[in-house]
Amino acid sequence: MKVTSVRPVKGYKVDVAFDDGVSGIISLKEFVTHGIFSALKDEHLFNKVYTNGYSIAWSDELEIDALTIYAELSGKKPEDILSHHLSHASN
């Protein structure tokens, strides 16, 4: 499960695609109102979103783990996603 692309969408949203075909638009409006993520209220900074495959990020300090995004888009619980991927790792 790797992020293959991410692009900003108006209204503090990102369009994210994963290597297994899961994709969609997720709102991060709640994130930009809390803690260090409040820096992303600056739309110019928010629009600089990128991926390293394992997270979506804006800098080394501002990133969201891919598992969190994947769980939101797929409607699955993180532990279910991890157990599925770990069971295949031993094959």
PDB file of N, CA and C in Angstrom:
ATOM      1  N   MET A   1       0.841  -1.174   0.000  1.00  0.00           N
ATOM      2  CA  MET A   1       0.000   0.000   0.000  1.00  0.00           C
ATOM      3  C   MET A   1       0.889   1.242   0.000  1.00  0.00           C
ATOM      4  N   LYS A   2       1.102   1.784  -1.176  1.00  0.00           N
ATOM      5  CA  LYS A   2       1.890   3.003  -1.317  1.00  0.00           C
ATOM      6  C   LYS A   2       1.066   4.072  -2.019  1.00  0.00           C
ATOM      7  N   VAL A   3       1.273   5.296  -1.617  1.00  0.00           N
ATOM      8  CA  VAL A   3       0.644   6.422  -2.296  1.00  0.00           C
ATOM      9  C   VAL A   3       1.378   6.622  -3.624  1.00  0.00           C
ATOM     10  N   THR A   4       0.625   6.647  -4.711  1.00  0.00           N
ATOM     11  CA  THR A   4       1.242   6.859  -6.014  1.00  0.00           C
ATOM     12  C   THR A   4       1.102   8.294  -6.499  1.00  0.00           C
ATOM     13  N   SER A   5       0.060   8.981  -6.011  1.00  0.00           N
ATOM     14  CA  SER A   5      -0.086  10.393  -6.378  1.00  0.00           C
ATOM     15  C   SER A   5      -0.935  11.121  -5.351  1.00  0.00           C
ATOM     16  N   VAL A   6      -0.681  12.404  -5.252  1.00  0.00           N
ATOM     17  CA  VAL A   6      -1.461  13.281  -4.385  1.00  0.00           C
ATOM     18  C   VAL A   6      -1.473  14.662  -5.022  1.00  0.00           C
ATOM     19  N   ARG A   7      -2.648  15.269  -5.021  1.00  0.00           N
ATOM     20  CA  ARG A   7      -2.745  16.635  -5.538  1.00  0.00           C
ATOM     21  C   ARG A   7      -3.748  17.404  -4.699  1.00  0.00           C
ATOM     22  N   PRO A   8      -3.484  18.698  -4.505  1.00  0.00           N
ATOM     23  CA  PRO A   8      -4.402  19.508  -3.711  1.00  0.00           C
ATOM     24  C   PRO A   8      -5.689  19.791  -4.475  1.00  0.00           C
ATOM     25  N   VAL A   9      -6.774  19.916  -3.719  1.00  0.00           N
ATOM     26  CA  VAL A   9      -8.089  20.263  -4.253  1.00  0.00           C
ATOM     27  C   VAL A   9      -8.613  21.422  -3.408  1.00  0.00           C
ATOM     28  N   LYS A  10      -9.272  22.353  -4.032  1.00  0.00           N
ATOM     29  CA  LYS A  10      -9.797  23.531  -3.335  1.00  0.00           C
ATOM     30  C   LYS A  10     -10.603  23.132  -2.099  1.00  0.00           C
ATOM     31  N   GLY A  11     -10.450  23.901  -1.041  1.00  0.00           N
ATOM     32  CA  GLY A  11     -11.202  23.667   0.194  1.00  0.00           C
ATOM     33  C   GLY A  11     -10.487  22.740   1.163  1.00  0.00           C
ATOM     34  N   TYR A  12      -9.144  22.764   1.137  1.00  0.00           N
ATOM     35  CA  TYR A  12      -8.322  21.938   2.035  1.00  0.00           C
ATOM     36  C   TYR A  12      -8.612  20.446   1.863  1.00  0.00           C
ATOM     37  N   LYS A  13      -8.664  20.027   0.606  1.00  0.00           N
ATOM     38  CA  LYS A  13      -8.850  18.624   0.282  1.00  0.00           C
ATOM     39  C   LYS A  13      -7.666  18.152  -0.546  1.00  0.00           C
ATOM     40  N   VAL A  14      -7.448  16.840  -0.542  1.00  0.00           N
ATOM     41  CA  VAL A  14      -6.418  16.248  -1.387  1.00  0.00           C
ATOM     42  C   VAL A  14      -7.003  15.055  -2.127  1.00  0.00           C
ATOM     43  N   ASP A  15      -6.584  14.901  -3.354  1.00  0.00           N
ATOM     44  CA  ASP A  15      -6.946  13.760  -4.181  1.00  0.00           C
ATOM     45  C   ASP A  15      -5.767  12.790  -4.098  1.00  0.00           C
ATOM     46  N   VAL A  16      -6.014  11.605  -3.555  1.00  0.00           N
ATOM     47  CA  VAL A  16      -4.947  10.649  -3.278  1.00  0.00           C
ATOM     48  C   VAL A  16      -5.229   9.343  -4.017  1.00  0.00           C
ATOM     49  N   ALA A  17      -4.169   8.735  -4.577  1.00  0.00           N
ATOM     50  CA  ALA A  17      -4.289   7.428  -5.226  1.00  0.00           C
ATOM     51  C   ALA A  17      -3.233   6.492  -4.657  1.00  0.00           C
ATOM     52  N   PHE A  18      -3.633   5.233  -4.472  1.00  0.00           N
ATOM     53  CA  PHE A  18      -2.744   4.196  -3.955  1.00  0.00           C
ATOM     54  C   PHE A  18      -2.437   3.171  -5.043  1.00  0.00           C
ATOM     55  N   ASP A  19      -1.363   2.425  -4.852  1.00  0.00           N
ATOM     56  CA  ASP A  19      -0.916   1.469  -5.859  1.00  0.00           C
ATOM     57  C   ASP A  19      -1.847   0.273  -6.052  1.00  0.00           C
ATOM     58  N   ASP A  20      -2.809   0.077  -5.154  1.00  0.00           N
ATOM     59  CA  ASP A  20      -3.753  -1.043  -5.316  1.00  0.00           C
ATOM     60  C   ASP A  20      -5.094  -0.608  -5.909  1.00  0.00           C
ATOM     61  N   GLY A  21      -5.165   0.646  -6.361  1.00  0.00           N
ATOM     62  CA  GLY A  21      -6.376   1.140  -6.997  1.00  0.00           C
ATOM     63  C   GLY A  21      -7.295   1.950  -6.104  1.00  0.00           C
ATOM     64  N   VAL A  22      -7.090   1.928  -4.805  1.00  0.00           N
ATOM     65  CA  VAL A  22      -7.892   2.751  -3.890  1.00  0.00           C
ATOM     66  C   VAL A  22      -7.516   4.209  -4.146  1.00  0.00           C
ATOM     67  N   SER A  23      -8.528   5.049  -4.315  1.00  0.00           N
ATOM     68  CA  SER A  23      -8.277   6.471  -4.541  1.00  0.00           C
ATOM     69  C   SER A  23      -9.503   7.271  -4.139  1.00  0.00           C
ATOM     70  N   GLY A  24      -9.316   8.555  -3.996  1.00  0.00           N
ATOM     71  CA  GLY A  24     -10.425   9.431  -3.669  1.00  0.00           C
ATOM     72  C   GLY A  24      -9.957  10.763  -3.138  1.00  0.00           C
ATOM     73  N   ILE A  25     -10.924  11.588  -2.848  1.00  0.00           N
ATOM     74  CA  ILE A  25     -10.653  12.922  -2.303  1.00  0.00           C
ATOM     75  C   ILE A  25     -11.004  12.905  -0.827  1.00  0.00           C
ATOM     76  N   ILE A  26     -10.088  13.412  -0.035  1.00  0.00           N
ATOM     77  CA  ILE A  26     -10.285  13.449   1.412  1.00  0.00           C
ATOM     78  C   ILE A  26     -10.140  14.888   1.897  1.00  0.00           C
ATOM     79  N   SER A  27     -11.032  15.285   2.775  1.00  0.00           N
ATOM     80  CA  SER A  27     -10.982  16.631   3.355  1.00  0.00           C
ATOM     81  C   SER A  27     -10.034  16.645   4.543  1.00  0.00           C
ATOM     82  N   LEU A  28      -9.170  17.635   4.558  1.00  0.00           N
ATOM     83  CA  LEU A  28      -8.254  17.827   5.686  1.00  0.00           C
ATOM     84  C   LEU A  28      -8.582  19.124   6.424  1.00  0.00           C
ATOM     85  N   LYS A  29      -9.790  19.616   6.211  1.00  0.00           N
ATOM     86  CA  LYS A  29     -10.213  20.883   6.828  1.00  0.00           C
ATOM     87  C   LYS A  29     -10.092  20.838   8.351  1.00  0.00           C
ATOM     88  N   GLU A  30     -10.419  19.692   8.966  1.00  0.00           N
ATOM     89  CA  GLU A  30     -10.288  19.551  10.420  1.00  0.00           C
ATOM     90  C   GLU A  30      -8.821  19.592  10.860  1.00  0.00           C
ATOM     91  N   PHE A  31      -7.931  19.009  10.053  1.00  0.00           N
ATOM     92  CA  PHE A  31      -6.509  18.989  10.396  1.00  0.00           C
ATOM     93  C   PHE A  31      -5.925  20.388  10.477  1.00  0.00           C
ATOM     94  N   VAL A  32      -6.319  21.273   9.544  1.00  0.00           N
ATOM     95  CA  VAL A  32      -5.689  22.594   9.482  1.00  0.00           C
ATOM     96  C   VAL A  32      -6.129  23.519  10.608  1.00  0.00           C
ATOM     97  N   THR A  33      -6.974  23.038  11.495  1.00  0.00           N
ATOM     98  CA  THR A  33      -7.400  23.869  12.627  1.00  0.00           C
ATOM     99  C   THR A  33      -6.725  23.458  13.928  1.00  0.00           C
ATOM    100  N   HIS A  34      -5.823  22.460  13.885  1.00  0.00           N
ATOM    101  CA  HIS A  34      -5.224  21.943  15.118  1.00  0.00           C
ATOM    102  C   HIS A  34      -3.695  21.899  15.067  1.00  0.00           C
ATOM    103  N   GLY A  35      -3.095  22.276  16.174  1.00  0.00           N
ATOM    104  CA  GLY A  35      -1.653  22.096  16.377  1.00  0.00           C
ATOM    105  C   GLY A  35      -0.782  22.572  15.235  1.00  0.00           C
ATOM    106  N   ILE A  36       0.239  21.759  14.934  1.00  0.00           N
ATOM    107  CA  ILE A  36       1.199  22.165  13.907  1.00  0.00           C
ATOM    108  C   ILE A  36       0.577  22.222  12.514  1.00  0.00           C
ATOM    109  N   PHE A  37      -0.536  21.512  12.321  1.00  0.00           N
ATOM    110  CA  PHE A  37      -1.187  21.528  11.020  1.00  0.00           C
ATOM    111  C   PHE A  37      -1.882  22.851  10.727  1.00  0.00           C
ATOM    112  N   SER A  38      -2.029  23.716  11.725  1.00  0.00           N
ATOM    113  CA  SER A  38      -2.667  25.017  11.486  1.00  0.00           C
ATOM    114  C   SER A  38      -1.840  25.873  10.522  1.00  0.00           C
ATOM    115  N   ALA A  39      -0.571  25.561  10.351  1.00  0.00           N
ATOM    116  CA  ALA A  39       0.252  26.274   9.360  1.00  0.00           C
ATOM    117  C   ALA A  39      -0.301  26.065   7.951  1.00  0.00           C
ATOM    118  N   LEU A  40      -1.040  24.969   7.759  1.00  0.00           N
ATOM    119  CA  LEU A  40      -1.584  24.657   6.441  1.00  0.00           C
ATOM    120  C   LEU A  40      -2.814  25.486   6.085  1.00  0.00           C
ATOM    121  N   LYS A  41      -3.240  26.363   6.998  1.00  0.00           N
ATOM    122  CA  LYS A  41      -4.312  27.306   6.650  1.00  0.00           C
ATOM    123  C   LYS A  41      -3.858  28.201   5.502  1.00  0.00           C
ATOM    124  N   ASP A  42      -2.547  28.380   5.390  1.00  0.00           N
ATOM    125  CA  ASP A  42      -1.971  29.117   4.269  1.00  0.00           C
ATOM    126  C   ASP A  42      -2.119  28.227   3.027  1.00  0.00           C
ATOM    127  N   GLU A  43      -3.050  28.584   2.147  1.00  0.00           N
ATOM    128  CA  GLU A  43      -3.346  27.746   0.980  1.00  0.00           C
ATOM    129  C   GLU A  43      -2.127  27.547   0.081  1.00  0.00           C
ATOM    130  N   HIS A  44      -1.265  28.550   0.022  1.00  0.00           N
ATOM    131  CA  HIS A  44      -0.046  28.412  -0.788  1.00  0.00           C
ATOM    132  C   HIS A  44       0.798  27.248  -0.262  1.00  0.00           C
ATOM    133  N   LEU A  45       0.935  27.142   1.054  1.00  0.00           N
ATOM    134  CA  LEU A  45       1.664  26.028   1.652  1.00  0.00           C
ATOM    135  C   LEU A  45       0.889  24.720   1.484  1.00  0.00           C
ATOM    136  N   PHE A  46      -0.409  24.740   1.722  1.00  0.00           N
ATOM    137  CA  PHE A  46      -1.225  23.534   1.580  1.00  0.00           C
ATOM    138  C   PHE A  46      -1.088  22.943   0.175  1.00  0.00           C
ATOM    139  N   ASN A  47      -1.038  23.800  -0.827  1.00  0.00           N
ATOM    140  CA  ASN A  47      -0.961  23.346  -2.213  1.00  0.00           C
ATOM    141  C   ASN A  47       0.394  22.732  -2.576  1.00  0.00           C
ATOM    142  N   LYS A  48       1.354  22.778  -1.677  1.00  0.00           N
ATOM    143  CA  LYS A  48       2.668  22.176  -1.923  1.00  0.00           C
ATOM    144  C   LYS A  48       2.732  20.713  -1.469  1.00  0.00           C
ATOM    145  N   VAL A  49       1.585  20.087  -1.253  1.00  0.00           N
ATOM    146  CA  VAL A  49       1.522  18.702  -0.798  1.00  0.00           C
ATOM    147  C   VAL A  49       2.271  17.787  -1.774  1.00  0.00           C
ATOM    148  N   TYR A  50       2.951  16.795  -1.226  1.00  0.00           N
ATOM    149  CA  TYR A  50       3.669  15.804  -2.029  1.00  0.00           C
ATOM    150  C   TYR A  50       3.618  14.464  -1.307  1.00  0.00           C
ATOM    151  N   THR A  51       4.115  13.424  -1.939  1.00  0.00           N
ATOM    152  CA  THR A  51       4.176  12.116  -1.298  1.00  0.00           C
ATOM    153  C   THR A  51       5.571  11.513  -1.437  1.00  0.00           C
ATOM    154  N   ASN A  52       5.935  10.740  -0.430  1.00  0.00           N
ATOM    155  CA  ASN A  52       7.151   9.933  -0.510  1.00  0.00           C
ATOM    156  C   ASN A  52       6.768   8.455  -0.653  1.00  0.00           C
ATOM    157  N   GLY A  53       5.485   8.204  -0.873  1.00  0.00           N
ATOM    158  CA  GLY A  53       4.967   6.854  -1.012  1.00  0.00           C
ATOM    159  C   GLY A  53       4.360   6.310   0.271  1.00  0.00           C
ATOM    160  N   TYR A  54       4.872   6.766   1.406  1.00  0.00           N
ATOM    161  CA  TYR A  54       4.420   6.250   2.700  1.00  0.00           C
ATOM    162  C   TYR A  54       3.651   7.273   3.521  1.00  0.00           C
ATOM    163  N   SER A  55       3.591   8.491   3.010  1.00  0.00           N
ATOM    164  CA  SER A  55       2.824   9.545   3.669  1.00  0.00           C
ATOM    165  C   SER A  55       2.516  10.619   2.637  1.00  0.00           C
ATOM    166  N   ILE A  56       1.601  11.517   3.008  1.00  0.00           N
ATOM    167  CA  ILE A  56       1.469  12.765   2.261  1.00  0.00           C
ATOM    168  C   ILE A  56       2.062  13.824   3.158  1.00  0.00           C
ATOM    169  N   ALA A  57       2.763  14.766   2.561  1.00  0.00           N
ATOM    170  CA  ALA A  57       3.547  15.690   3.376  1.00  0.00           C
ATOM    171  C   ALA A  57       3.614  17.072   2.749  1.00  0.00           C
ATOM    172  N   TRP A  58       4.010  17.992   3.599  1.00  0.00           N
ATOM    173  CA  TRP A  58       4.277  19.362   3.192  1.00  0.00           C
ATOM    174  C   TRP A  58       5.689  19.756   3.592  1.00  0.00           C
ATOM    175  N   SER A  59       6.252  19.020   4.548  1.00  0.00           N
ATOM    176  CA  SER A  59       7.629  19.187   5.005  1.00  0.00           C
ATOM    177  C   SER A  59       7.968  17.962   5.845  1.00  0.00           C
ATOM    178  N   ASP A  60       9.184  17.925   6.373  1.00  0.00           N
ATOM    179  CA  ASP A  60       9.566  16.804   7.243  1.00  0.00           C
ATOM    180  C   ASP A  60       8.753  16.776   8.536  1.00  0.00           C
ATOM    181  N   GLU A  61       8.261  17.919   8.954  1.00  0.00           N
ATOM    182  CA  GLU A  61       7.500  18.006  10.198  1.00  0.00           C
ATOM    183  C   GLU A  61       5.992  17.873   9.988  1.00  0.00           C
ATOM    184  N   LEU A  62       5.521  18.152   8.795  1.00  0.00           N
ATOM    185  CA  LEU A  62       4.085  18.133   8.504  1.00  0.00           C
ATOM    186  C   LEU A  62       3.767  17.005   7.524  1.00  0.00           C
ATOM    187  N   GLU A  63       3.368  15.864   8.079  1.00  0.00           N
ATOM    188  CA  GLU A  63       3.006  14.742   7.224  1.00  0.00           C
ATOM    189  C   GLU A  63       1.928  13.893   7.880  1.00  0.00           C
ATOM    190  N   ILE A  64       1.180  13.192   7.046  1.00  0.00           N
ATOM    191  CA  ILE A  64       0.127  12.291   7.508  1.00  0.00           C
ATOM    192  C   ILE A  64       0.434  10.921   6.929  1.00  0.00           C
ATOM    193  N   ASP A  65       0.470   9.928   7.792  1.00  0.00           N
ATOM    194  CA  ASP A  65       0.777   8.564   7.395  1.00  0.00           C
ATOM    195  C   ASP A  65      -0.218   8.049   6.362  1.00  0.00           C
ATOM    196  N   ALA A  66       0.276   7.304   5.377  1.00  0.00           N
ATOM    197  CA  ALA A  66      -0.573   6.759   4.320  1.00  0.00           C
ATOM    198  C   ALA A  66      -1.668   5.850   4.884  1.00  0.00           C
ATOM    199  N   LEU A  67      -1.374   5.130   5.949  1.00  0.00           N
ATOM    200  CA  LEU A  67      -2.365   4.231   6.543  1.00  0.00           C
ATOM    201  C   LEU A  67      -3.607   5.000   6.992  1.00  0.00           C
ATOM    202  N   THR A  68      -3.405   6.163   7.561  1.00  0.00           N
ATOM    203  CA  THR A  68      -4.522   6.996   8.011  1.00  0.00           C
ATOM    204  C   THR A  68      -5.409   7.394   6.833  1.00  0.00           C
ATOM    205  N   ILE A  69      -4.788   7.824   5.753  1.00  0.00           N
ATOM    206  CA  ILE A  69      -5.525   8.232   4.560  1.00  0.00           C
ATOM    207  C   ILE A  69      -6.215   7.029   3.928  1.00  0.00           C
ATOM    208  N   TYR A  70      -5.498   5.904   3.829  1.00  0.00           N
ATOM    209  CA  TYR A  70      -6.040   4.691   3.227  1.00  0.00           C
ATOM    210  C   TYR A  70      -7.268   4.216   3.994  1.00  0.00           C
ATOM    211  N   ALA A  71      -7.180   4.228   5.315  1.00  0.00           N
ATOM    212  CA  ALA A  71      -8.312   3.801   6.147  1.00  0.00           C
ATOM    213  C   ALA A  71      -9.522   4.693   5.910  1.00  0.00           C
ATOM    214  N   GLU A  72      -9.305   5.968   5.828  1.00  0.00           N
ATOM    215  CA  GLU A  72     -10.406   6.907   5.589  1.00  0.00           C
ATOM    216  C   GLU A  72     -11.060   6.656   4.229  1.00  0.00           C
ATOM    217  N   LEU A  73     -10.260   6.477   3.200  1.00  0.00           N
ATOM    218  CA  LEU A  73     -10.793   6.277   1.852  1.00  0.00           C
ATOM    219  C   LEU A  73     -11.462   4.923   1.669  1.00  0.00           C
ATOM    220  N   SER A  74     -10.920   3.899   2.303  1.00  0.00           N
ATOM    221  CA  SER A  74     -11.442   2.544   2.105  1.00  0.00           C
ATOM    222  C   SER A  74     -12.551   2.181   3.083  1.00  0.00           C
ATOM    223  N   GLY A  75     -12.673   2.955   4.171  1.00  0.00           N
ATOM    224  CA  GLY A  75     -13.676   2.647   5.186  1.00  0.00           C
ATOM    225  C   GLY A  75     -13.276   1.490   6.086  1.00  0.00           C
ATOM    226  N   LYS A  76     -12.012   1.102   6.023  1.00  0.00           N
ATOM    227  CA  LYS A  76     -11.511   0.003   6.854  1.00  0.00           C
ATOM    228  C   LYS A  76     -10.800   0.542   8.082  1.00  0.00           C
ATOM    229  N   LYS A  77     -10.691  -0.303   9.089  1.00  0.00           N
ATOM    230  CA  LYS A  77      -9.944   0.059  10.291  1.00  0.00           C
ATOM    231  C   LYS A  77      -8.455  -0.179  10.035  1.00  0.00           C
ATOM    232  N   PRO A  78      -7.589   0.695  10.568  1.00  0.00           N
ATOM    233  CA  PRO A  78      -6.150   0.519  10.359  1.00  0.00           C
ATOM    234  C   PRO A  78      -5.648  -0.873  10.742  1.00  0.00           C
ATOM    235  N   GLU A  79      -6.147  -1.437  11.826  1.00  0.00           N
ATOM    236  CA  GLU A  79      -5.667  -2.757  12.255  1.00  0.00           C
ATOM    237  C   GLU A  79      -6.058  -3.849  11.256  1.00  0.00           C
ATOM    238  N   ASP A  80      -7.212  -3.689  10.586  1.00  0.00           N
ATOM    239  CA  ASP A  80      -7.617  -4.657   9.567  1.00  0.00           C
ATOM    240  C   ASP A  80      -6.711  -4.563   8.335  1.00  0.00           C
ATOM    241  N   ILE A  81      -6.349  -3.347   7.981  1.00  0.00           N
ATOM    242  CA  ILE A  81      -5.461  -3.137   6.835  1.00  0.00           C
ATOM    243  C   ILE A  81      -4.090  -3.732   7.132  1.00  0.00           C
ATOM    244  N   LEU A  82      -3.579  -3.452   8.317  1.00  0.00           N
ATOM    245  CA  LEU A  82      -2.257  -3.968   8.689  1.00  0.00           C
ATOM    246  C   LEU A  82      -2.239  -5.482   8.768  1.00  0.00           C
ATOM    247  N   SER A  83      -3.267  -6.084   9.354  1.00  0.00           N
ATOM    248  CA  SER A  83      -3.274  -7.544   9.480  1.00  0.00           C
ATOM    249  C   SER A  83      -3.340  -8.198   8.109  1.00  0.00           C
ATOM    250  N   HIS A  84      -4.053  -7.596   7.164  1.00  0.00           N
ATOM    251  CA  HIS A  84      -4.133  -8.131   5.811  1.00  0.00           C
ATOM    252  C   HIS A  84      -2.761  -8.059   5.126  1.00  0.00           C
ATOM    253  N   HIS A  85      -2.106  -6.914   5.244  1.00  0.00           N
ATOM    254  CA  HIS A  85      -0.789  -6.749   4.602  1.00  0.00           C
ATOM    255  C   HIS A  85       0.272  -7.613   5.268  1.00  0.00           C
ATOM    256  N   LEU A  86       0.200  -7.763   6.583  1.00  0.00           N
ATOM    257  CA  LEU A  86       1.192  -8.584   7.278  1.00  0.00           C
ATOM    258  C   LEU A  86       1.009 -10.062   6.976  1.00  0.00           C
ATOM    259  N   SER A  87      -0.216 -10.500   6.784  1.00  0.00           N
ATOM    260  CA  SER A  87      -0.438 -11.922   6.481  1.00  0.00           C
ATOM    261  C   SER A  87       0.121 -12.270   5.110  1.00  0.00           C
ATOM    262  N   HIS A  88       0.144 -11.323   4.193  1.00  0.00           N
ATOM    263  CA  HIS A  88       0.707 -11.574   2.872  1.00  0.00           C
ATOM    264  C   HIS A  88       2.222 -11.470   2.873  1.00  0.00           C
ATOM    265  N   ALA A  89       2.779 -10.769   3.830  1.00  0.00           N
ATOM    266  CA  ALA A  89       4.232 -10.591   3.861  1.00  0.00           C
ATOM    267  C   ALA A  89       4.963 -11.898   4.112  1.00  0.00           C
ATOM    268  N   SER A  90       4.347 -12.830   4.794  1.00  0.00           N
ATOM    269  CA  SER A  90       5.023 -14.079   5.109  1.00  0.00           C
ATOM    270  C   SER A  90       4.900 -15.108   3.975  1.00  0.00           C
ATOM    271  N   ASN A  91       4.060 -14.823   2.997  1.00  0.00           N
ATOM    272  CA  ASN A  91       3.873 -15.748   1.870  1.00  0.00           C
ATOM    273  C   ASN A  91       5.039 -15.730   0.925  1.00  0.00           C
TER     274      ASN A  91
END
